[in-house]
Amino acid sequence: MAVKERPRAKKDVKAESKDVAELEPEVEVTLEETEHTPEVVVRRTRTAEVTSETQEASTSETTGQKVRPRTVQTRVEPEPPLLLPSWGTSKDSEWMYTIPSRREDLELWAEEWADFLLKWSQSRRLHVVSVAVFLAEMPFKDIVGKSDAFRILGDRLVDQDMAEWWDNKHRQLRVYWRPLEDWADMVYSWSLRTGSVLIDVGTLIVQEYDEEFGTLPERDLHRVMDILVSTKRAEWVDQKRGAVRLRAGY
């Protein structure tokens, strides 16, 4: 009896080993795909995005309602390139990321950083730099005492008539990397090129955002209209709305 049972025991062990062998590759593949293979994760992410779009489309078809595409919501803006000053990062020039204590050094330090802040703002098409943006963006966030640095640089640009504080707490800095007179020239040239005779501030903000002047703050667009009227290139239609009629042949 004992001799007859031994083959069965060996057979059972082989069967169990076979079952385990069959299961092991599946376990390894599952772990590798979910944890160790970046390509698989990327594919899953893309699939999820496509699925989400398909579900939205099917839902719209079942409702029977016409849905207008919203490009603004689905458009992915590219990350702006990182712009660094000529002295590099805090690892390259640590002394430039510390506010100098000597007055002479502070003047030179503020001049260099203020010039860079203008270039950086222009590269981002930013007209108003908030303290929150300054504290969060490279390379400014690496400055030791960056809150004080923001006010120092802002005051420096204000003294040079290149900026103005838009609030009493000095948390919103309007930087003029292009004079308002130049913006007025651009608006006038655009109006002649496109045949736009009647223009107003609201229309420029909403419909002409892709134009450089379309990103200007509302109050500055009103000032641009003032410049056009004062230089005889336009006349008021509704001054409160910032609406003007352009004159050709200026």
C-alpha atoms as a PDB file:
ATOM      1  CA  MET A   1       0.000   0.000   0.000  1.00  0.00           C
ATOM      2  CA  ALA A   2       2.760   2.413   0.911  1.00  0.00           C
ATOM      3  CA  VAL A   3       4.598   1.667  -2.344  1.00  0.00           C
ATOM      4  CA  LYS A   4       1.493   2.308  -4.418  1.00  0.00           C
ATOM      5  CA  GLU A   5       0.865   5.646  -2.755  1.00  0.00           C
ATOM      6  CA  ARG A   6       4.349   7.055  -3.499  1.00  0.00           C
ATOM      7  CA  PRO A   7       3.765   7.617  -7.248  1.00  0.00           C
ATOM      8  CA  ARG A   8       0.541   9.430  -6.523  1.00  0.00           C
ATOM      9  CA  ALA A   9       2.335  11.715  -4.065  1.00  0.00           C
ATOM     10  CA  LYS A  10       4.981  12.547  -6.656  1.00  0.00           C
ATOM     11  CA  LYS A  11       2.308  13.175  -9.260  1.00  0.00           C
ATOM     12  CA  ASP A  12       0.511  15.582  -6.968  1.00  0.00           C
ATOM     13  CA  VAL A  13       3.723  17.507  -6.330  1.00  0.00           C
ATOM     14  CA  LYS A  14       4.352  17.801 -10.053  1.00  0.00           C
ATOM     15  CA  ALA A  15       0.821  18.996 -10.622  1.00  0.00           C
ATOM     16  CA  GLU A  16       1.148  21.586  -7.903  1.00  0.00           C
ATOM     17  CA  SER A  17       4.534  22.673  -9.251  1.00  0.00           C
ATOM     18  CA  LYS A  18       3.020  22.994 -12.709  1.00  0.00           C
ATOM     19  CA  ASP A  19       0.177  25.098 -11.365  1.00  0.00           C
ATOM     20  CA  VAL A  20       2.593  27.357  -9.524  1.00  0.00           C
ATOM     21  CA  ALA A  21       4.794  27.640 -12.590  1.00  0.00           C
ATOM     22  CA  GLU A  22       1.811  28.672 -14.658  1.00  0.00           C
ATOM     23  CA  LEU A  23       0.787  31.296 -12.120  1.00  0.00           C
ATOM     24  CA  GLU A  24       4.235  32.798 -11.559  1.00  0.00           C
ATOM     25  CA  PRO A  25       4.613  34.496 -14.963  1.00  0.00           C
ATOM     26  CA  GLU A  26       1.196  36.124 -14.586  1.00  0.00           C
ATOM     27  CA  VAL A  27       2.116  37.541 -11.189  1.00  0.00           C
ATOM     28  CA  GLU A  28       5.450  38.834 -12.478  1.00  0.00           C
ATOM     29  CA  VAL A  29       3.879  40.452 -15.537  1.00  0.00           C
ATOM     30  CA  THR A  30       1.207  42.156 -13.472  1.00  0.00           C
ATOM     31  CA  LEU A  31       3.711  43.608 -11.029  1.00  0.00           C
ATOM     32  CA  GLU A  32       6.055  44.723 -13.781  1.00  0.00           C
ATOM     33  CA  GLU A  33       3.344  46.483 -15.736  1.00  0.00           C
ATOM     34  CA  THR A  34       1.801  48.317 -12.825  1.00  0.00           C
ATOM     35  CA  GLU A  35       4.922  49.272 -10.930  1.00  0.00           C
ATOM     36  CA  HIS A  36       8.079  49.011 -12.997  1.00  0.00           C
ATOM     37  CA  THR A  37       7.245  49.743 -16.627  1.00  0.00           C
ATOM     38  CA  PRO A  38       6.818  53.468 -17.381  1.00  0.00           C
ATOM     39  CA  GLU A  39       5.599  52.770 -20.915  1.00  0.00           C
ATOM     40  CA  VAL A  40       2.634  50.781 -19.641  1.00  0.00           C
ATOM     41  CA  VAL A  41       1.674  53.582 -17.292  1.00  0.00           C
ATOM     42  CA  VAL A  42       1.830  56.087 -20.130  1.00  0.00           C
ATOM     43  CA  ARG A  43      -0.365  53.949 -22.328  1.00  0.00           C
ATOM     44  CA  ARG A  44      -2.918  53.607 -19.560  1.00  0.00           C
ATOM     45  CA  THR A  45      -2.970  57.342 -19.052  1.00  0.00           C
ATOM     46  CA  ARG A  46      -3.555  57.999 -22.721  1.00  0.00           C
ATOM     47  CA  THR A  47      -6.290  55.384 -22.833  1.00  0.00           C
ATOM     48  CA  ALA A  48      -8.034  57.042 -19.913  1.00  0.00           C
ATOM     49  CA  GLU A  49      -7.964  60.377 -21.706  1.00  0.00           C
ATOM     50  CA  VAL A  50      -9.454  58.921 -24.886  1.00  0.00           C
ATOM     51  CA  THR A  51     -12.114  57.099 -22.899  1.00  0.00           C
ATOM     52  CA  SER A  52     -13.094  60.253 -21.130  1.00  0.00           C
ATOM     53  CA  GLU A  53     -13.492  62.097 -24.426  1.00  0.00           C
ATOM     54  CA  THR A  54     -15.526  59.230 -25.906  1.00  0.00           C
ATOM     55  CA  GLN A  55     -17.868  59.198 -22.930  1.00  0.00           C
ATOM     56  CA  GLU A  56     -18.456  62.906 -23.228  1.00  0.00           C
ATOM     57  CA  ALA A  57     -19.257  62.562 -26.916  1.00  0.00           C
ATOM     58  CA  SER A  58     -21.675  59.682 -26.386  1.00  0.00           C
ATOM     59  CA  THR A  59     -23.440  61.504 -23.599  1.00  0.00           C
ATOM     60  CA  SER A  60     -23.967  64.490 -25.862  1.00  0.00           C
ATOM     61  CA  GLU A  61     -25.415  62.262 -28.585  1.00  0.00           C
ATOM     62  CA  THR A  62     -27.902  60.657 -26.234  1.00  0.00           C
ATOM     63  CA  THR A  63     -29.189  64.020 -25.015  1.00  0.00           C
ATOM     64  CA  GLY A  64     -29.844  65.107 -28.577  1.00  0.00           C
ATOM     65  CA  GLN A  65     -28.542  68.586 -27.814  1.00  0.00           C
ATOM     66  CA  LYS A  66     -26.028  70.397 -29.966  1.00  0.00           C
ATOM     67  CA  VAL A  67     -22.843  70.944 -28.012  1.00  0.00           C
ATOM     68  CA  ARG A  68     -20.384  73.552 -29.195  1.00  0.00           C
ATOM     69  CA  PRO A  69     -16.716  72.594 -28.914  1.00  0.00           C
ATOM     70  CA  ARG A  70     -14.868  74.561 -26.269  1.00  0.00           C
ATOM     71  CA  THR A  71     -11.339  74.920 -27.499  1.00  0.00           C
ATOM     72  CA  VAL A  72     -10.191  76.940 -24.515  1.00  0.00           C
ATOM     73  CA  GLN A  73     -11.058  74.166 -22.090  1.00  0.00           C
ATOM     74  CA  THR A  74      -9.366  71.387 -24.042  1.00  0.00           C
ATOM     75  CA  ARG A  75      -6.310  73.250 -25.316  1.00  0.00           C
ATOM     76  CA  VAL A  76      -3.091  72.344 -23.540  1.00  0.00           C
ATOM     77  CA  GLU A  77      -0.775  75.317 -23.303  1.00  0.00           C
ATOM     78  CA  PRO A  78       2.917  74.458 -23.634  1.00  0.00           C
ATOM     79  CA  GLU A  79       5.027  75.095 -20.593  1.00  0.00           C
ATOM     80  CA  PRO A  80       6.962  78.339 -21.165  1.00  0.00           C
ATOM     81  CA  PRO A  81      10.715  77.817 -21.428  1.00  0.00           C
ATOM     82  CA  LEU A  82      12.690  78.509 -18.292  1.00  0.00           C
ATOM     83  CA  LEU A  83      14.421  81.863 -18.568  1.00  0.00           C
ATOM     84  CA  LEU A  84      17.415  82.345 -16.316  1.00  0.00           C
ATOM     85  CA  PRO A  85      19.548  85.435 -15.698  1.00  0.00           C
ATOM     86  CA  SER A  86      23.076  85.662 -17.067  1.00  0.00           C
ATOM     87  CA  TRP A  87      24.476  84.695 -13.655  1.00  0.00           C
ATOM     88  CA  GLY A  88      22.600  81.387 -13.681  1.00  0.00           C
ATOM     89  CA  THR A  89      20.943  79.587 -10.795  1.00  0.00           C
ATOM     90  CA  SER A  90      21.575  79.822  -7.075  1.00  0.00           C
ATOM     91  CA  LYS A  91      24.068  76.982  -7.431  1.00  0.00           C
ATOM     92  CA  ASP A  92      26.011  78.918 -10.057  1.00  0.00           C
ATOM     93  CA  SER A  93      26.071  82.301  -8.290  1.00  0.00           C
ATOM     94  CA  GLU A  94      24.924  81.945  -4.711  1.00  0.00           C
ATOM     95  CA  TRP A  95      25.759  85.570  -3.840  1.00  0.00           C
ATOM     96  CA  MET A  96      23.205  86.872  -6.356  1.00  0.00           C
ATOM     97  CA  TYR A  97      20.432  85.070  -4.489  1.00  0.00           C
ATOM     98  CA  THR A  98      21.088  86.866  -1.214  1.00  0.00           C
ATOM     99  CA  ILE A  99      20.121  90.499  -0.620  1.00  0.00           C
ATOM    100  CA  PRO A 100      23.367  92.438  -0.033  1.00  0.00           C
ATOM    101  CA  SER A 101      23.756  94.339   3.216  1.00  0.00           C
ATOM    102  CA  ARG A 102      26.066  97.045   1.850  1.00  0.00           C
ATOM    103  CA  ARG A 103      24.254  99.895   0.131  1.00  0.00           C
ATOM    104  CA  GLU A 104      26.641  99.991  -2.827  1.00  0.00           C
ATOM    105  CA  ASP A 105      26.254  96.294  -3.457  1.00  0.00           C
ATOM    106  CA  LEU A 106      22.490  96.509  -3.007  1.00  0.00           C
ATOM    107  CA  GLU A 107      22.209  99.143  -5.751  1.00  0.00           C
ATOM    108  CA  LEU A 108      24.047  96.981  -8.262  1.00  0.00           C
ATOM    109  CA  TRP A 109      22.185  93.863  -7.169  1.00  0.00           C
ATOM    110  CA  ALA A 110      18.776  95.525  -7.522  1.00  0.00           C
ATOM    111  CA  GLU A 111      19.653  96.955 -10.936  1.00  0.00           C
ATOM    112  CA  GLU A 112      20.651  93.552 -12.303  1.00  0.00           C
ATOM    113  CA  TRP A 113      17.593  91.773 -10.934  1.00  0.00           C
ATOM    114  CA  ALA A 114      15.183  94.548 -11.974  1.00  0.00           C
ATOM    115  CA  ASP A 115      16.411  94.373 -15.570  1.00  0.00           C
ATOM    116  CA  PHE A 116      15.943  90.623 -15.553  1.00  0.00           C
ATOM    117  CA  LEU A 117      12.443  90.931 -14.071  1.00  0.00           C
ATOM    118  CA  LEU A 118      11.445  93.082 -17.054  1.00  0.00           C
ATOM    119  CA  LYS A 119      12.825  90.557 -19.543  1.00  0.00           C
ATOM    120  CA  TRP A 120      11.202  87.674 -17.700  1.00  0.00           C
ATOM    121  CA  SER A 121       7.809  89.430 -17.623  1.00  0.00           C
ATOM    122  CA  GLN A 122       7.984  90.151 -21.340  1.00  0.00           C
ATOM    123  CA  SER A 123       8.839  86.533 -22.135  1.00  0.00           C
ATOM    124  CA  ARG A 124       5.703  85.475 -20.219  1.00  0.00           C
ATOM    125  CA  ARG A 125       3.579  88.317 -21.636  1.00  0.00           C
ATOM    126  CA  LEU A 126       2.907  89.351 -18.053  1.00  0.00           C
ATOM    127  CA  HIS A 127       1.931  92.927 -17.364  1.00  0.00           C
ATOM    128  CA  VAL A 128       1.166  92.598 -13.668  1.00  0.00           C
ATOM    129  CA  VAL A 129       3.505  90.575 -11.467  1.00  0.00           C
ATOM    130  CA  SER A 130       2.028  89.608  -8.117  1.00  0.00           C
ATOM    131  CA  VAL A 131       4.033  88.757  -5.046  1.00  0.00           C
ATOM    132  CA  ALA A 132       2.511  85.258  -5.184  1.00  0.00           C
ATOM    133  CA  VAL A 133       3.925  84.697  -8.678  1.00  0.00           C
ATOM    134  CA  PHE A 134       7.298  86.094  -7.651  1.00  0.00           C
ATOM    135  CA  LEU A 135       7.514  83.747  -4.674  1.00  0.00           C
ATOM    136  CA  ALA A 136       6.580  80.690  -6.720  1.00  0.00           C
ATOM    137  CA  GLU A 137       8.463  81.123  -9.997  1.00  0.00           C
ATOM    138  CA  MET A 138      12.041  80.285 -10.867  1.00  0.00           C
ATOM    139  CA  PRO A 139      14.522  81.829 -10.406  1.00  0.00           C
ATOM    140  CA  PHE A 140      12.988  84.363  -7.993  1.00  0.00           C
ATOM    141  CA  LYS A 141      11.815  81.758  -5.508  1.00  0.00           C
ATOM    142  CA  ASP A 142      15.437  80.841  -4.765  1.00  0.00           C
ATOM    143  CA  ILE A 143      16.273  84.329  -3.483  1.00  0.00           C
ATOM    144  CA  VAL A 144      16.814  84.388   0.259  1.00  0.00           C
ATOM    145  CA  GLY A 145      14.288  86.890   1.616  1.00  0.00           C
ATOM    146  CA  LYS A 146      12.297  86.883  -1.625  1.00  0.00           C
ATOM    147  CA  SER A 147       9.373  88.869  -0.165  1.00  0.00           C
ATOM    148  CA  ASP A 148      11.708  91.768   0.621  1.00  0.00           C
ATOM    149  CA  ALA A 149      13.412  91.279  -2.732  1.00  0.00           C
ATOM    150  CA  PHE A 150      10.090  91.726  -4.540  1.00  0.00           C
ATOM    151  CA  ARG A 151       9.548  95.127  -2.948  1.00  0.00           C
ATOM    152  CA  ILE A 152      13.139  96.198  -3.520  1.00  0.00           C
ATOM    153  CA  LEU A 153      12.982  95.336  -7.219  1.00  0.00           C
ATOM    154  CA  GLY A 154       9.527  96.866  -7.554  1.00  0.00           C
ATOM    155  CA  ASP A 155      10.641 100.139  -5.985  1.00  0.00           C
ATOM    156  CA  ARG A 156      13.656 100.148  -8.252  1.00  0.00           C
ATOM    157  CA  LEU A 157      11.511  99.865 -11.384  1.00  0.00           C
ATOM    158  CA  VAL A 158       9.048 102.452 -10.072  1.00  0.00           C
ATOM    159  CA  ASP A 159      11.903 104.926  -9.557  1.00  0.00           C
ATOM    160  CA  GLN A 160      12.921 104.319 -13.174  1.00  0.00           C
ATOM    161  CA  ASP A 161       9.332 104.885 -14.400  1.00  0.00           C
ATOM    162  CA  MET A 162       9.291 101.295 -15.627  1.00  0.00           C
ATOM    163  CA  ALA A 163       6.607 100.099 -13.216  1.00  0.00           C
ATOM    164  CA  GLU A 164       3.991 101.198 -10.706  1.00  0.00           C
ATOM    165  CA  TRP A 165       2.403  99.633  -7.666  1.00  0.00           C
ATOM    166  CA  TRP A 166      -1.258  98.867  -8.185  1.00  0.00           C
ATOM    167  CA  ASP A 167      -2.118  98.463  -4.522  1.00  0.00           C
ATOM    168  CA  ASN A 168      -1.172 100.127  -1.254  1.00  0.00           C
ATOM    169  CA  LYS A 169       0.313  96.928   0.165  1.00  0.00           C
ATOM    170  CA  HIS A 170       2.747  96.610  -2.753  1.00  0.00           C
ATOM    171  CA  ARG A 171       1.593  93.155  -3.757  1.00  0.00           C
ATOM    172  CA  GLN A 172       0.708  93.921  -7.404  1.00  0.00           C
ATOM    173  CA  LEU A 173       3.418  95.390  -9.619  1.00  0.00           C
ATOM    174  CA  ARG A 174       2.515  96.689 -13.076  1.00  0.00           C
ATOM    175  CA  VAL A 175       5.655  96.386 -15.186  1.00  0.00           C
ATOM    176  CA  TYR A 176       6.032  98.400 -18.388  1.00  0.00           C
ATOM    177  CA  TRP A 177       8.318  96.370 -20.593  1.00  0.00           C
ATOM    178  CA  ARG A 178       6.710  98.287 -23.470  1.00  0.00           C
ATOM    179  CA  PRO A 179       5.506 101.912 -23.180  1.00  0.00           C
ATOM    180  CA  LEU A 180       1.790 102.633 -23.533  1.00  0.00           C
ATOM    181  CA  GLU A 181       2.570 104.901 -26.481  1.00  0.00           C
ATOM    182  CA  ASP A 182       3.990 101.904 -28.340  1.00  0.00           C
ATOM    183  CA  TRP A 183       0.883  99.887 -27.508  1.00  0.00           C
ATOM    184  CA  ALA A 184      -1.232 102.690 -28.968  1.00  0.00           C
ATOM    185  CA  ASP A 185       0.817 102.519 -32.182  1.00  0.00           C
ATOM    186  CA  MET A 186       0.254  98.763 -32.357  1.00  0.00           C
ATOM    187  CA  VAL A 187      -3.503  99.083 -31.877  1.00  0.00           C
ATOM    188  CA  TYR A 188      -3.714 101.776 -34.538  1.00  0.00           C
ATOM    189  CA  SER A 189      -1.647  99.762 -37.060  1.00  0.00           C
ATOM    190  CA  TRP A 190      -3.762  96.689 -36.369  1.00  0.00           C
ATOM    191  CA  SER A 191      -6.992  98.632 -36.922  1.00  0.00           C
ATOM    192  CA  LEU A 192      -5.776  99.899 -40.299  1.00  0.00           C
ATOM    193  CA  ARG A 193      -4.590  96.444 -41.321  1.00  0.00           C
ATOM    194  CA  THR A 194      -7.840  94.715 -40.378  1.00  0.00           C
ATOM    195  CA  GLY A 195     -10.194  97.528 -41.346  1.00  0.00           C
ATOM    196  CA  SER A 196     -11.495  97.850 -37.785  1.00  0.00           C
ATOM    197  CA  VAL A 197     -12.896 101.357 -37.554  1.00  0.00           C
ATOM    198  CA  LEU A 198     -14.962 101.066 -34.377  1.00  0.00           C
ATOM    199  CA  ILE A 199     -13.154  99.425 -31.464  1.00  0.00           C
ATOM    200  CA  ASP A 200     -13.698  99.286 -27.731  1.00  0.00           C
ATOM    201  CA  VAL A 201     -11.864  97.944 -24.708  1.00  0.00           C
ATOM    202  CA  GLY A 202     -14.191  95.009 -24.066  1.00  0.00           C
ATOM    203  CA  THR A 203     -13.953  93.727 -27.629  1.00  0.00           C
ATOM    204  CA  LEU A 204     -10.173  93.892 -27.638  1.00  0.00           C
ATOM    205  CA  ILE A 205      -9.984  91.872 -24.416  1.00  0.00           C
ATOM    206  CA  VAL A 206     -12.449  89.169 -25.466  1.00  0.00           C
ATOM    207  CA  GLN A 207     -11.908  88.803 -29.207  1.00  0.00           C
ATOM    208  CA  GLU A 208      -8.302  89.862 -29.763  1.00  0.00           C
ATOM    209  CA  TYR A 209      -6.522  87.929 -27.032  1.00  0.00           C
ATOM    210  CA  ASP A 210      -4.106  86.396 -29.539  1.00  0.00           C
ATOM    211  CA  GLU A 211      -2.865  89.877 -30.369  1.00  0.00           C
ATOM    212  CA  GLU A 212      -0.197  91.170 -28.008  1.00  0.00           C
ATOM    213  CA  PHE A 213      -2.276  94.167 -26.955  1.00  0.00           C
ATOM    214  CA  GLY A 214      -5.173  91.830 -26.135  1.00  0.00           C
ATOM    215  CA  THR A 215      -3.352  90.790 -22.973  1.00  0.00           C
ATOM    216  CA  LEU A 216      -3.140  94.327 -21.603  1.00  0.00           C
ATOM    217  CA  PRO A 217      -5.001  95.045 -18.354  1.00  0.00           C
ATOM    218  CA  GLU A 218      -8.343  96.755 -18.862  1.00  0.00           C
ATOM    219  CA  ARG A 219      -7.294 100.009 -17.245  1.00  0.00           C
ATOM    220  CA  ASP A 220      -4.285 100.238 -19.555  1.00  0.00           C
ATOM    221  CA  LEU A 221      -6.417  99.665 -22.638  1.00  0.00           C
ATOM    222  CA  HIS A 222      -8.499 102.641 -21.551  1.00  0.00           C
ATOM    223  CA  ARG A 223      -5.298 104.665 -21.348  1.00  0.00           C
ATOM    224  CA  VAL A 224      -4.345 103.464 -24.832  1.00  0.00           C
ATOM    225  CA  MET A 225      -7.667 104.778 -26.122  1.00  0.00           C
ATOM    226  CA  ASP A 226      -6.936 108.098 -24.429  1.00  0.00           C
ATOM    227  CA  ILE A 227      -3.619 108.257 -26.248  1.00  0.00           C
ATOM    228  CA  LEU A 228      -5.269 107.542 -29.602  1.00  0.00           C
ATOM    229  CA  VAL A 229      -7.793 110.318 -29.028  1.00  0.00           C
ATOM    230  CA  SER A 230      -5.239 112.819 -27.727  1.00  0.00           C
ATOM    231  CA  THR A 231      -3.020 112.203 -30.765  1.00  0.00           C
ATOM    232  CA  LYS A 232      -5.984 112.788 -33.132  1.00  0.00           C
ATOM    233  CA  ARG A 233      -5.942 109.223 -34.419  1.00  0.00           C
ATOM    234  CA  ALA A 234      -9.384 108.490 -32.984  1.00  0.00           C
ATOM    235  CA  GLU A 235     -12.462 110.143 -31.545  1.00  0.00           C
ATOM    236  CA  TRP A 236     -14.671 109.097 -28.666  1.00  0.00           C
ATOM    237  CA  VAL A 237     -17.841 107.140 -29.283  1.00  0.00           C
ATOM    238  CA  ASP A 238     -18.348 106.184 -25.648  1.00  0.00           C
ATOM    239  CA  GLN A 239     -15.547 107.234 -23.327  1.00  0.00           C
ATOM    240  CA  LYS A 240     -16.897 105.255 -20.383  1.00  0.00           C
ATOM    241  CA  ARG A 241     -16.730 102.006 -22.362  1.00  0.00           C
ATOM    242  CA  GLY A 242     -13.474 102.958 -24.006  1.00  0.00           C
ATOM    243  CA  ALA A 243     -15.099 102.934 -27.456  1.00  0.00           C
ATOM    244  CA  VAL A 244     -13.507 104.984 -30.233  1.00  0.00           C
ATOM    245  CA  ARG A 245     -13.752 105.526 -33.969  1.00  0.00           C
ATOM    246  CA  LEU A 246     -10.369 105.355 -35.677  1.00  0.00           C
ATOM    247  CA  ARG A 247      -9.273 107.944 -38.198  1.00  0.00           C
ATOM    248  CA  ALA A 248      -7.270 106.887 -41.226  1.00  0.00           C
ATOM    249  CA  GLY A 249      -4.423 108.849 -42.720  1.00  0.00           C
ATOM    250  CA  TYR A 250      -2.666 109.766 -39.503  1.00  0.00           C
END
